[in-house]
């Protein structure tokens, strides 16, 4: 280390954290660092994973759903697709929708539906839920589902792009 360089100490790091975020200010004092304080603010403007309110340009129209790709514990992770043991416990491919959105689209729990995407059509079982946000279509990336037909992400899907599969 040259004479002009100084070594960064733990106190320097805590002080820097305190300057950048008020939540660290109380913890910056050396005597208070390991006293069981939690780094969770008492009040928050959103949930633990909140991205804050959407900007006006990002708001969805009433007849649109935001398509979210998600992973499950079994069946959606790439390496699990090669395990015969995982295949025994994985769930059937499906897409989730809020009950109000399903009713608006004339769909019911358990319907086989088609979802029109830029890269083609997905055929999948629809599961209706009351305990999720409206305006979402949640699609687990299941190994048995050609979710790669979704060419753009994130994307919105019109309610007209989700319909009962004709047998």
Protein backbone atom coordinates (compact mmCIF):
# COMPACT_ATOMS: atom_id res chain seq x y z
CA UNK A 1 0.00 0.00 0.00
CA UNK A 2 1.42 3.39 -0.97
CA UNK A 3 1.70 6.21 1.62
CA UNK A 4 -1.15 8.13 -0.09
CA UNK A 5 -3.58 5.20 0.19
CA UNK A 6 -5.34 4.59 3.45
CA UNK A 7 -6.85 1.34 4.57
CA UNK A 8 -10.63 1.25 4.78
CA UNK A 9 -11.77 0.25 8.24
CA UNK A 10 -15.01 -1.28 9.43
CA UNK A 11 -15.91 2.08 11.01
CA UNK A 12 -15.46 3.73 7.59
CA UNK A 13 -17.83 1.24 6.01
CA UNK A 14 -20.51 1.73 8.70
CA UNK A 15 -20.19 5.51 8.40
CA UNK A 16 -20.60 5.30 4.64
CA UNK A 17 -23.68 3.11 5.04
CA UNK A 18 -25.15 5.58 7.55
CA UNK A 19 -24.63 8.48 5.12
CA UNK A 20 -26.32 6.61 2.29
CA UNK A 21 -29.32 5.25 4.21
CA UNK A 22 -30.93 6.48 7.42
CA UNK A 23 -31.71 2.95 8.56
CA UNK A 24 -27.98 2.36 9.16
CA UNK A 25 -27.45 5.58 11.13
CA UNK A 26 -28.30 4.02 14.49
CA UNK A 27 -26.20 0.96 13.72
CA UNK A 28 -23.15 3.00 12.70
CA UNK A 29 -22.14 3.40 16.33
CA UNK A 30 -19.65 0.58 17.18
CA UNK A 31 -21.43 -0.31 20.45
CA UNK A 32 -24.76 -0.95 18.68
CA UNK A 33 -23.71 -3.16 15.78
CA UNK A 34 -24.46 -6.56 17.28
CA UNK A 35 -27.29 -5.77 19.66
CA UNK A 36 -30.04 -7.63 17.84
CA UNK A 37 -31.32 -4.61 15.91
CA UNK A 38 -33.27 -5.50 12.81
CA UNK A 39 -32.59 -3.75 9.53
CA UNK A 40 -36.28 -3.68 8.60
CA UNK A 41 -37.93 -0.26 8.71
CA UNK A 42 -41.01 0.02 10.92
CA UNK A 43 -43.10 1.49 8.12
CA UNK A 44 -42.80 1.04 4.42
CA UNK A 45 -44.63 2.46 1.45
CA UNK A 46 -44.93 -0.99 -0.09
CA UNK A 47 -44.53 -4.69 0.61
CA UNK A 48 -41.17 -6.37 1.11
CA UNK A 49 -40.69 -6.81 -2.64
CA UNK A 50 -42.62 -3.75 -3.78
CA UNK A 51 -41.42 -1.96 -6.87
CA UNK A 52 -43.51 1.05 -6.00
CA UNK A 53 -46.43 2.43 -7.95
CA UNK A 54 -46.47 2.01 -11.70
CA UNK A 55 -45.83 5.04 -13.81
CA UNK A 56 -48.74 6.27 -15.90
CA UNK A 57 -47.25 4.83 -19.10
CA UNK A 58 -46.96 1.37 -17.50
CA UNK A 59 -50.56 1.13 -16.37
CA UNK A 60 -52.60 -1.63 -17.95
CA UNK A 61 -55.93 -1.22 -19.65
CA UNK A 62 -58.87 -2.99 -18.03
CA UNK A 63 -58.87 -5.78 -20.61
CA UNK A 64 -55.12 -6.49 -20.36
CA UNK A 65 -53.13 -8.86 -18.17
CA UNK A 66 -49.45 -8.64 -17.33
CA UNK A 67 -47.87 -12.01 -18.08
CA UNK A 68 -45.40 -13.10 -15.41
CA UNK A 69 -43.03 -16.03 -15.89
CA UNK A 70 -42.23 -17.76 -12.60
CA UNK A 71 -40.36 -20.83 -11.37
CA UNK A 72 -41.65 -23.66 -9.20
CA UNK A 73 -39.58 -25.85 -6.93
CA UNK A 74 -40.04 -28.86 -9.21
CA UNK A 75 -40.37 -28.98 -12.98
CA UNK A 76 -39.38 -25.46 -14.00
CA UNK A 77 -35.66 -25.32 -13.24
CA UNK A 78 -33.64 -26.52 -16.24
CA UNK A 79 -31.69 -29.30 -14.53
CA UNK A 80 -34.82 -30.72 -12.88
CA UNK A 81 -36.12 -31.53 -16.36
CA UNK A 82 -33.54 -34.34 -16.54
CA UNK A 83 -34.47 -36.03 -13.26
CA UNK A 84 -36.97 -38.90 -13.32
CA UNK A 85 -37.38 -38.46 -9.55
CA UNK A 86 -38.39 -34.83 -9.92
CA UNK A 87 -40.87 -35.81 -12.62
CA UNK A 88 -42.69 -37.89 -10.00
CA UNK A 89 -43.41 -34.85 -7.79
CA UNK A 90 -43.80 -32.04 -10.30
CA UNK A 91 -47.17 -30.42 -10.88
CA UNK A 92 -49.04 -30.33 -14.16
CA UNK A 93 -48.30 -27.27 -16.36
CA UNK A 94 -50.82 -24.48 -15.83
CA UNK A 95 -51.42 -20.76 -15.91
CA UNK A 96 -52.96 -18.80 -13.03
CA UNK A 97 -55.51 -15.99 -13.29
CA UNK A 98 -57.56 -14.04 -10.74
CA UNK A 99 -61.21 -15.13 -10.43
CA UNK A 100 -62.54 -11.71 -11.50
CA UNK A 101 -60.36 -11.67 -14.63
CA UNK A 102 -61.41 -15.24 -15.46
CA UNK A 103 -65.09 -14.32 -15.09
CA UNK A 104 -64.61 -11.27 -17.33
CA UNK A 105 -63.05 -13.52 -19.99
CA UNK A 106 -65.74 -16.23 -19.59
CA UNK A 107 -63.24 -18.77 -18.24
CA UNK A 108 -63.52 -21.23 -15.36
CA UNK A 109 -61.13 -23.12 -13.12
CA UNK A 110 -59.75 -26.18 -14.89
CA UNK A 111 -60.51 -24.97 -18.43
CA UNK A 112 -58.02 -25.92 -21.10
CA UNK A 113 -57.08 -22.59 -22.63
CA UNK A 114 -54.97 -21.17 -25.41
CA UNK A 115 -52.77 -18.13 -24.83
CA UNK A 116 -51.83 -16.26 -28.00
CA UNK A 117 -48.20 -15.08 -27.82
CA UNK A 118 -45.90 -13.41 -30.34
CA UNK A 119 -44.11 -16.70 -31.00
CA UNK A 120 -47.18 -18.91 -31.21
CA UNK A 121 -49.98 -20.38 -29.14
CA UNK A 122 -49.64 -22.06 -25.73
CA UNK A 123 -52.18 -24.68 -24.73
CA UNK A 124 -52.40 -25.06 -20.96
CA UNK A 125 -54.73 -25.72 -18.05
CA UNK A 126 -56.17 -22.61 -16.36
CA UNK A 127 -56.23 -22.36 -12.57
CA UNK A 128 -58.41 -19.64 -11.09
CA UNK A 129 -57.34 -18.03 -7.82
CA UNK A 130 -58.83 -15.50 -5.43
CA UNK A 131 -55.57 -14.88 -3.56
CA UNK A 132 -53.54 -13.20 -6.27
CA UNK A 133 -53.55 -9.74 -7.79
CA UNK A 134 -55.98 -8.86 -10.54
CA UNK A 135 -54.52 -8.03 -13.92
CA UNK A 136 -51.94 -10.83 -13.87
CA UNK A 137 -51.48 -14.03 -15.80
CA UNK A 138 -48.89 -16.14 -13.94
CA UNK A 139 -47.14 -18.77 -16.05
CA UNK A 140 -44.70 -21.23 -14.44
CA UNK A 141 -41.87 -22.14 -16.86
CA UNK A 142 -42.72 -25.83 -16.89
CA UNK A 143 -40.54 -28.27 -18.84
CA UNK A 144 -43.63 -29.63 -20.64
CA UNK A 145 -44.74 -26.19 -21.78
CA UNK A 146 -43.29 -24.24 -24.71
CA UNK A 147 -43.06 -21.00 -22.71
CA UNK A 148 -40.19 -19.94 -24.97
CA UNK A 149 -42.90 -18.80 -27.40
CA UNK A 150 -42.93 -15.69 -25.25
CA UNK A 151 -40.45 -13.62 -27.26
CA UNK A 152 -40.74 -10.35 -25.35
CA UNK A 153 -40.64 -10.00 -21.62
CA UNK A 154 -42.32 -8.39 -19.76
CA UNK A 155 -45.42 -8.41 -21.88
CA UNK A 156 -49.10 -7.75 -21.65
CA UNK A 157 -51.78 -10.08 -22.95
CA UNK A 158 -55.25 -8.94 -23.85
CA UNK A 159 -58.14 -10.91 -22.35
CA UNK A 160 -59.07 -11.77 -25.94
CA UNK A 161 -55.73 -13.57 -26.31
CA UNK A 162 -56.75 -16.07 -23.59
CA UNK A 163 -59.60 -18.33 -24.60
CA UNK A 164 -61.06 -21.79 -24.17
CA UNK A 165 -59.30 -24.41 -26.22
CA UNK A 166 -61.54 -25.84 -28.90
CA UNK A 167 -61.43 -29.63 -28.86
